Structure formats: structure tokens, C-alpha cells
Amino acid sequence: MEKKKKYHFLYKITCRITNNYYIGVHSTTNLEDGYLGSGKIIKLSIKKHGKENHIIEIVKFFDTNKEKYLAEKEYLTEEMILDSKCMNISCGGLGGIQNKDHYKKFMLAATNAFKEKLKDSEFKQKFSETCSNRNKKRIELGTIKSWKETCNWTGRKHKQETIEKFKVSKINHGIGESNSQFGTRWITNGNENKKIKKIDSLPNGWEFGRN
């Protein structure tokens, strides 16, 4: 179908709010079709900041569909992909996640987008209910164990090998700087007790020690 389109071009979309950009190719018979990319991250950006805050500019037109993909592959390099402002997750002419750096970038963007959604109390509650209902269904189907089955230790105990590992991991734990109270001391005002860092000045009306 793309071969029958009249226009083939390479474009760049820039978000007015973040200055993040997206590179892509498109074929169309109508240059005013409102197309703004198909990448996952650019879609999240448009959803968050609105279409009106994304500017699209045509970098170059091509005579054929094949030429536009070749140009995208040449233009959208791996160096550009790793640019923190670039919203593409793979090199030009290719689809999907190509390596660990691309995967990390995609996951970070997805995580940040989800965190933004969780700020909406209605979405957060709905998401919580959905997860709860989904897990209840999975328990009924026997695909996962219930919380009681997983966490109830009645009649169970750790293997001796595990106990020895615990002991080793606790050696020197809580001594010196590894102690959460290291470098602090008690002070009191006669009614309240609290801890301050040893390097901090003693507040007015307080004295060292505990009541």
C-alpha cells in the first residue's frame, strides 16, 4: 500500500516542552493527514504533552518507499539513539529493541510514563483493583499460590546451609560505619529525647544524654 502513496519522506518531531525529538519515515497521499509517528515513546510524549506541543518538520522527500527507509537507516544512527533527547529506541530502517542500551532506554521511558499515571488517584485505584482481581483469578485457577501458602512458615524451617549463609552475611554487620547510629548521640530537653549527629551543634535548651 505504501508504494501507491504519492509522498515518501523522512521527518523529525520535536516536543516543545522537553525538546526531545523523534525521527521517522512516512508515506501518504495527504501531507496534512496529522501523522505524528508510531514509536512507543513518542506516543507517550504526545499523550502527556498533547499534539499541539509537538512540531513535525519534513527533512527530505523521496521518490520511492525504499529510498525513504534507506535514508532513515543512514540518518538515524546508533549514536543518535543513545542521545538522551532522542525518543527512538532503534536505529533507522529497523524495528524493535536492538541491544541492552536501547532496552534500558525504553524501560526507563516506560517506567517514568507509568509513574506519571500513578499520580492520578483514580488511575492508581483502578490499577490496584485490576491487579487484585487478576491475582485472585490466578489463585482460583491454581497458576499462583495465595499469600498464606507462600508466606506461612508454620512447621517449616530454613536449611542449615541457608542459616550458615545468614550468619556469614551478618559478620561485622552493625559495627562502625555500617551501624545506622554511627556518629550520633542522644540529647534531651528534659521532656523529649532525640538523636543528633555528633558534628551538629547542641540546640538551645537541650543537653547531652537521655531523660
C-alpha atoms as a PDB file:
ATOM      1  CA  MET A   1       0.000   0.000   0.000  1.00  0.00           C
ATOM      2  CA  GLU A   2       2.877   2.407   0.809  1.00  0.00           C
ATOM      3  CA  LYS A   3       4.202   2.058  -2.740  1.00  0.00           C
ATOM      4  CA  LYS A   4       0.952   3.562  -4.058  1.00  0.00           C
ATOM      5  CA  LYS A   5       1.225   6.667  -1.838  1.00  0.00           C
ATOM      6  CA  LYS A   6       2.204   9.941  -3.510  1.00  0.00           C
ATOM      7  CA  TYR A   7       4.652  11.278  -0.922  1.00  0.00           C
ATOM      8  CA  HIS A   8       7.520   9.484   0.824  1.00  0.00           C
ATOM      9  CA  PHE A   9       9.598  11.425   3.336  1.00  0.00           C
ATOM     10  CA  LEU A  10      11.870  11.466   6.378  1.00  0.00           C
ATOM     11  CA  TYR A  11      10.577  13.625   9.232  1.00  0.00           C
ATOM     12  CA  LYS A  12      11.554  14.920  12.665  1.00  0.00           C
ATOM     13  CA  ILE A  13       9.144  15.601  15.531  1.00  0.00           C
ATOM     14  CA  THR A  14      10.229  17.859  18.403  1.00  0.00           C
ATOM     15  CA  CYS A  15       8.380  18.288  21.703  1.00  0.00           C
ATOM     16  CA  ARG A  16       8.091  21.990  22.636  1.00  0.00           C
ATOM     17  CA  ILE A  17       8.056  21.133  26.362  1.00  0.00           C
ATOM     18  CA  THR A  18      11.057  18.807  26.650  1.00  0.00           C
ATOM     19  CA  ASN A  19      12.944  19.427  23.382  1.00  0.00           C
ATOM     20  CA  ASN A  20      13.005  15.644  22.947  1.00  0.00           C
ATOM     21  CA  TYR A  21      12.860  14.572  19.318  1.00  0.00           C
ATOM     22  CA  TYR A  22      11.786  11.626  17.192  1.00  0.00           C
ATOM     23  CA  ILE A  23      12.951  10.614  13.711  1.00  0.00           C
ATOM     24  CA  GLY A  24      10.757   8.593  11.362  1.00  0.00           C
ATOM     25  CA  VAL A  25       9.560   7.990   7.822  1.00  0.00           C
ATOM     26  CA  HIS A  26       6.076   8.208   6.388  1.00  0.00           C
ATOM     27  CA  SER A  27       4.206   7.689   3.125  1.00  0.00           C
ATOM     28  CA  THR A  28       0.947   9.460   2.400  1.00  0.00           C
ATOM     29  CA  THR A  29      -1.261  10.996  -0.257  1.00  0.00           C
ATOM     30  CA  ASN A  30      -2.174  13.863   2.098  1.00  0.00           C
ATOM     31  CA  LEU A  31       0.590  15.943   3.701  1.00  0.00           C
ATOM     32  CA  GLU A  32      -1.957  17.252   6.231  1.00  0.00           C
ATOM     33  CA  ASP A  33      -3.005  13.820   7.497  1.00  0.00           C
ATOM     34  CA  GLY A  34      -1.874  14.683  11.057  1.00  0.00           C
ATOM     35  CA  TYR A  35       0.510  11.739  11.350  1.00  0.00           C
ATOM     36  CA  LEU A  36       2.858  12.040  14.360  1.00  0.00           C
ATOM     37  CA  GLY A  37       4.871   8.836  14.460  1.00  0.00           C
ATOM     38  CA  SER A  38       4.264   5.289  15.650  1.00  0.00           C
ATOM     39  CA  GLY A  39       7.050   4.766  18.213  1.00  0.00           C
ATOM     40  CA  LYS A  40       6.112   3.833  21.779  1.00  0.00           C
ATOM     41  CA  ILE A  41       7.965   6.718  23.435  1.00  0.00           C
ATOM     42  CA  ILE A  42       6.736   9.411  21.038  1.00  0.00           C
ATOM     43  CA  LYS A  43       3.172   8.188  21.632  1.00  0.00           C
ATOM     44  CA  LEU A  44       3.671   8.548  25.397  1.00  0.00           C
ATOM     45  CA  SER A  45       5.092  12.039  24.872  1.00  0.00           C
ATOM     46  CA  ILE A  46       2.098  13.087  22.748  1.00  0.00           C
ATOM     47  CA  LYS A  47      -0.307  11.641  25.299  1.00  0.00           C
ATOM     48  CA  LYS A  48       1.394  13.508  28.144  1.00  0.00           C
ATOM     49  CA  HIS A  49       2.099  16.876  26.493  1.00  0.00           C
ATOM     50  CA  GLY A  50      -0.552  16.975  23.759  1.00  0.00           C
ATOM     51  CA  LYS A  51      -0.345  17.038  19.951  1.00  0.00           C
ATOM     52  CA  GLU A  52      -0.251  20.834  19.968  1.00  0.00           C
ATOM     53  CA  ASN A  53       3.126  20.726  21.714  1.00  0.00           C
ATOM     54  CA  HIS A  54       4.795  18.548  19.076  1.00  0.00           C
ATOM     55  CA  ILE A  55       6.206  20.106  15.913  1.00  0.00           C
ATOM     56  CA  ILE A  56       6.773  17.972  12.816  1.00  0.00           C
ATOM     57  CA  GLU A  57       9.183  19.019  10.084  1.00  0.00           C
ATOM     58  CA  ILE A  58       9.930  17.184   6.853  1.00  0.00           C
ATOM     59  CA  VAL A  59      13.666  16.595   6.496  1.00  0.00           C
ATOM     60  CA  LYS A  60      13.615  15.225   2.950  1.00  0.00           C
ATOM     61  CA  PHE A  61      11.260  13.839   0.312  1.00  0.00           C
ATOM     62  CA  PHE A  62      11.994  10.680  -1.700  1.00  0.00           C
ATOM     63  CA  ASP A  63      10.721   9.249  -4.949  1.00  0.00           C
ATOM     64  CA  THR A  64      10.209   5.713  -3.648  1.00  0.00           C
ATOM     65  CA  ASN A  65       9.256   3.908  -0.478  1.00  0.00           C
ATOM     66  CA  LYS A  66      12.559   2.003  -0.495  1.00  0.00           C
ATOM     67  CA  GLU A  67      14.588   5.221  -0.633  1.00  0.00           C
ATOM     68  CA  LYS A  68      12.967   6.605   2.500  1.00  0.00           C
ATOM     69  CA  TYR A  69      13.916   3.513   4.548  1.00  0.00           C
ATOM     70  CA  LEU A  70      17.486   3.592   3.252  1.00  0.00           C
ATOM     71  CA  ALA A  71      17.699   7.261   4.208  1.00  0.00           C
ATOM     72  CA  GLU A  72      16.272   6.578   7.670  1.00  0.00           C
ATOM     73  CA  LYS A  73      18.853   3.848   8.222  1.00  0.00           C
ATOM     74  CA  GLU A  74      21.648   6.251   7.274  1.00  0.00           C
ATOM     75  CA  TYR A  75      20.238   9.237   9.195  1.00  0.00           C
ATOM     76  CA  LEU A  76      19.157   7.556  12.432  1.00  0.00           C
ATOM     77  CA  THR A  77      22.469   6.218  13.760  1.00  0.00           C
ATOM     78  CA  GLU A  78      23.208   4.322  16.981  1.00  0.00           C
ATOM     79  CA  GLU A  79      24.937   7.432  18.345  1.00  0.00           C
ATOM     80  CA  MET A  80      21.705   9.373  17.883  1.00  0.00           C
ATOM     81  CA  ILE A  81      19.674   6.578  19.513  1.00  0.00           C
ATOM     82  CA  LEU A  82      21.798   6.855  22.655  1.00  0.00           C
ATOM     83  CA  ASP A  83      21.215  10.617  22.848  1.00  0.00           C
ATOM     84  CA  SER A  84      19.078  11.240  25.953  1.00  0.00           C
ATOM     85  CA  LYS A  85      16.859  13.619  23.937  1.00  0.00           C
ATOM     86  CA  CYS A  86      16.119  11.083  21.212  1.00  0.00           C
ATOM     87  CA  MET A  87      12.786   9.247  21.595  1.00  0.00           C
ATOM     88  CA  ASN A  88      13.626   6.487  19.083  1.00  0.00           C
ATOM     89  CA  ILE A  89      14.536   3.094  20.545  1.00  0.00           C
ATOM     90  CA  SER A  90      16.173   1.516  17.487  1.00  0.00           C
ATOM     91  CA  CYS A  91      18.303   2.522  14.542  1.00  0.00           C
ATOM     92  CA  GLY A  92      16.691   3.638  11.315  1.00  0.00           C
ATOM     93  CA  GLY A  93      15.246   1.057   8.972  1.00  0.00           C
ATOM     94  CA  LEU A  94      14.931  -1.497  11.768  1.00  0.00           C
ATOM     95  CA  GLY A  95      12.204  -2.395  14.207  1.00  0.00           C
ATOM     96  CA  GLY A  96      12.254  -3.408  17.862  1.00  0.00           C
ATOM     97  CA  ILE A  97      14.911  -3.148  20.559  1.00  0.00           C
ATOM     98  CA  GLN A  98      18.411  -3.807  19.259  1.00  0.00           C
ATOM     99  CA  ASN A  99      20.670  -4.043  22.327  1.00  0.00           C
ATOM    100  CA  LYS A 100      20.862  -3.564  26.108  1.00  0.00           C
ATOM    101  CA  ASP A 101      21.262   0.214  25.879  1.00  0.00           C
ATOM    102  CA  HIS A 102      18.121   0.505  23.762  1.00  0.00           C
ATOM    103  CA  TYR A 103      16.256  -1.824  26.119  1.00  0.00           C
ATOM    104  CA  LYS A 104      17.283   0.212  29.198  1.00  0.00           C
ATOM    105  CA  LYS A 105      16.235   3.423  27.475  1.00  0.00           C
ATOM    106  CA  PHE A 106      12.846   2.015  26.534  1.00  0.00           C
ATOM    107  CA  MET A 107      12.229   0.573  30.013  1.00  0.00           C
ATOM    108  CA  LEU A 108      13.194   3.870  31.669  1.00  0.00           C
ATOM    109  CA  ALA A 109      10.789   5.803  29.477  1.00  0.00           C
ATOM    110  CA  ALA A 110       8.014   3.279  30.106  1.00  0.00           C
ATOM    111  CA  THR A 111       8.653   3.353  33.886  1.00  0.00           C
ATOM    112  CA  ASN A 112       8.586   7.152  34.019  1.00  0.00           C
ATOM    113  CA  ALA A 113       5.387   7.253  31.997  1.00  0.00           C
ATOM    114  CA  PHE A 114       3.757   4.747  34.352  1.00  0.00           C
ATOM    115  CA  LYS A 115       4.863   6.751  37.417  1.00  0.00           C
ATOM    116  CA  GLU A 116       3.160   9.791  35.925  1.00  0.00           C
ATOM    117  CA  LYS A 117      -0.042   7.791  35.500  1.00  0.00           C
ATOM    118  CA  LEU A 118       0.078   6.660  39.141  1.00  0.00           C
ATOM    119  CA  LYS A 119      -0.106  10.305  40.247  1.00  0.00           C
ATOM    120  CA  ASP A 120      -3.723  10.183  39.112  1.00  0.00           C
ATOM    121  CA  SER A 121      -5.558   8.791  42.174  1.00  0.00           C
ATOM    122  CA  GLU A 122      -8.402   7.419  40.043  1.00  0.00           C
ATOM    123  CA  PHE A 123      -5.986   5.539  37.765  1.00  0.00           C
ATOM    124  CA  LYS A 124      -3.989   4.291  40.783  1.00  0.00           C
ATOM    125  CA  GLN A 125      -7.094   2.883  42.466  1.00  0.00           C
ATOM    126  CA  LYS A 126      -8.331   1.280  39.244  1.00  0.00           C
ATOM    127  CA  PHE A 127      -4.912  -0.253  38.579  1.00  0.00           C
ATOM    128  CA  SER A 128      -4.757  -1.624  42.145  1.00  0.00           C
ATOM    129  CA  GLU A 129      -8.209  -3.197  41.818  1.00  0.00           C
ATOM    130  CA  THR A 130      -7.315  -4.696  38.443  1.00  0.00           C
ATOM    131  CA  CYS A 131      -4.137  -6.283  39.839  1.00  0.00           C
ATOM    132  CA  SER A 132      -6.020  -7.599  42.877  1.00  0.00           C
ATOM    133  CA  ASN A 133      -8.785  -9.143  40.776  1.00  0.00           C
ATOM    134  CA  ARG A 134      -6.279 -10.613  38.342  1.00  0.00           C
ATOM    135  CA  ASN A 135      -4.318 -12.274  41.160  1.00  0.00           C
ATOM    136  CA  LYS A 136      -7.494 -13.637  42.757  1.00  0.00           C
ATOM    137  CA  LYS A 137      -8.406 -15.186  39.424  1.00  0.00           C
ATOM    138  CA  ARG A 138      -4.944 -16.712  39.073  1.00  0.00           C
ATOM    139  CA  ILE A 139      -5.201 -18.188  42.577  1.00  0.00           C
ATOM    140  CA  GLU A 140      -8.575 -19.721  41.695  1.00  0.00           C
ATOM    141  CA  LEU A 141      -7.066 -21.215  38.537  1.00  0.00           C
ATOM    142  CA  GLY A 142      -4.086 -22.519  40.520  1.00  0.00           C
ATOM    143  CA  THR A 143      -1.477 -20.671  38.440  1.00  0.00           C
ATOM    144  CA  ILE A 144      -0.083 -18.880  41.527  1.00  0.00           C
ATOM    145  CA  LYS A 145      -0.117 -19.622  45.257  1.00  0.00           C
ATOM    146  CA  SER A 146      -2.022 -17.495  47.747  1.00  0.00           C
ATOM    147  CA  TRP A 147      -0.184 -15.219  50.202  1.00  0.00           C
ATOM    148  CA  LYS A 148      -0.836 -17.680  53.058  1.00  0.00           C
ATOM    149  CA  GLU A 149       0.576 -20.580  51.051  1.00  0.00           C
ATOM    150  CA  THR A 150       3.671 -18.589  50.156  1.00  0.00           C
ATOM    151  CA  CYS A 151       4.414 -16.811  53.444  1.00  0.00           C
ATOM    152  CA  ASN A 152       3.073 -19.151  56.139  1.00  0.00           C
ATOM    153  CA  TRP A 153       6.150 -20.757  57.788  1.00  0.00           C
ATOM    154  CA  THR A 154       4.254 -22.939  60.268  1.00  0.00           C
ATOM    155  CA  GLY A 155       6.103 -26.250  60.503  1.00  0.00           C
ATOM    156  CA  ARG A 156       8.835 -25.045  58.128  1.00  0.00           C
ATOM    157  CA  LYS A 157      12.431 -24.002  58.752  1.00  0.00           C
ATOM    158  CA  HIS A 158      15.463 -22.840  56.798  1.00  0.00           C
ATOM    159  CA  LYS A 159      18.016 -25.344  55.592  1.00  0.00           C
ATOM    160  CA  GLN A 160      21.248 -25.424  57.596  1.00  0.00           C
ATOM    161  CA  GLU A 161      23.110 -24.185  54.512  1.00  0.00           C
ATOM    162  CA  THR A 162      20.851 -21.106  54.391  1.00  0.00           C
ATOM    163  CA  ILE A 163      21.333 -20.478  58.122  1.00  0.00           C
ATOM    164  CA  GLU A 164      25.115 -20.528  57.689  1.00  0.00           C
ATOM    165  CA  LYS A 165      24.822 -18.000  54.850  1.00  0.00           C
ATOM    166  CA  PHE A 166      22.781 -15.719  57.107  1.00  0.00           C
ATOM    167  CA  LYS A 167      25.475 -15.943  59.788  1.00  0.00           C
ATOM    168  CA  VAL A 168      28.246 -15.053  57.338  1.00  0.00           C
ATOM    169  CA  SER A 169      26.261 -12.119  55.922  1.00  0.00           C
ATOM    170  CA  LYS A 170      25.853 -10.681  59.439  1.00  0.00           C
ATOM    171  CA  ILE A 171      29.560 -10.758  60.327  1.00  0.00           C
ATOM    172  CA  ASN A 172      30.651  -7.196  61.240  1.00  0.00           C
ATOM    173  CA  HIS A 173      27.155  -6.004  60.405  1.00  0.00           C
ATOM    174  CA  GLY A 174      26.170  -3.058  62.599  1.00  0.00           C
ATOM    175  CA  ILE A 175      29.767  -2.337  63.611  1.00  0.00           C
ATOM    176  CA  GLY A 176      31.359   1.061  62.984  1.00  0.00           C
ATOM    177  CA  GLU A 177      30.096   2.965  59.943  1.00  0.00           C
ATOM    178  CA  SER A 178      27.780   0.104  58.971  1.00  0.00           C
ATOM    179  CA  ASN A 179      25.757   0.853  62.123  1.00  0.00           C
ATOM    180  CA  SER A 180      22.798   3.147  61.379  1.00  0.00           C
ATOM    181  CA  GLN A 181      23.510   5.014  64.669  1.00  0.00           C
ATOM    182  CA  PHE A 182      27.189   5.612  63.876  1.00  0.00           C
ATOM    183  CA  GLY A 183      28.255   9.209  64.524  1.00  0.00           C
ATOM    184  CA  THR A 184      25.133  10.157  66.521  1.00  0.00           C
ATOM    185  CA  ARG A 185      24.431  10.893  70.192  1.00  0.00           C
ATOM    186  CA  TRP A 186      21.426  11.367  72.439  1.00  0.00           C
ATOM    187  CA  ILE A 187      20.249  14.767  73.625  1.00  0.00           C
ATOM    188  CA  THR A 188      17.317  15.764  75.837  1.00  0.00           C
ATOM    189  CA  ASN A 189      15.402  18.894  76.845  1.00  0.00           C
ATOM    190  CA  GLY A 190      14.063  17.266  79.985  1.00  0.00           C
ATOM    191  CA  ASN A 191      10.859  16.060  78.324  1.00  0.00           C
ATOM    192  CA  GLU A 192      11.934  14.703  74.942  1.00  0.00           C
ATOM    193  CA  ASN A 193      14.859  12.602  73.821  1.00  0.00           C
ATOM    194  CA  LYS A 194      16.288  12.524  70.313  1.00  0.00           C
ATOM    195  CA  LYS A 195      19.484  11.821  68.425  1.00  0.00           C
ATOM    196  CA  ILE A 196      21.650  14.256  66.515  1.00  0.00           C
ATOM    197  CA  LYS A 197      24.893  13.861  64.612  1.00  0.00           C
ATOM    198  CA  LYS A 198      27.981  14.343  66.739  1.00  0.00           C
ATOM    199  CA  ILE A 199      29.162  17.086  64.397  1.00  0.00           C
ATOM    200  CA  ASP A 200      25.911  19.065  64.868  1.00  0.00           C
ATOM    201  CA  SER A 201      25.657  21.911  67.396  1.00  0.00           C
ATOM    202  CA  LEU A 202      23.594  21.395  70.540  1.00  0.00           C
ATOM    203  CA  PRO A 203      20.248  23.259  70.186  1.00  0.00           C
ATOM    204  CA  ASN A 204      19.292  25.861  72.795  1.00  0.00           C
ATOM    205  CA  GLY A 205      17.527  24.323  75.781  1.00  0.00           C
ATOM    206  CA  TRP A 206      18.938  20.869  75.125  1.00  0.00           C
ATOM    207  CA  GLU A 207      21.739  18.893  76.809  1.00  0.00           C
ATOM    208  CA  PHE A 208      23.594  15.687  76.054  1.00  0.00           C
ATOM    209  CA  GLY A 209      22.158  12.450  77.440  1.00  0.00           C
ATOM    210  CA  ARG A 210      18.699  10.983  77.880  1.00  0.00           C
ATOM    211  CA  ASN A 211      15.972  11.646  80.403  1.00  0.00           C
END
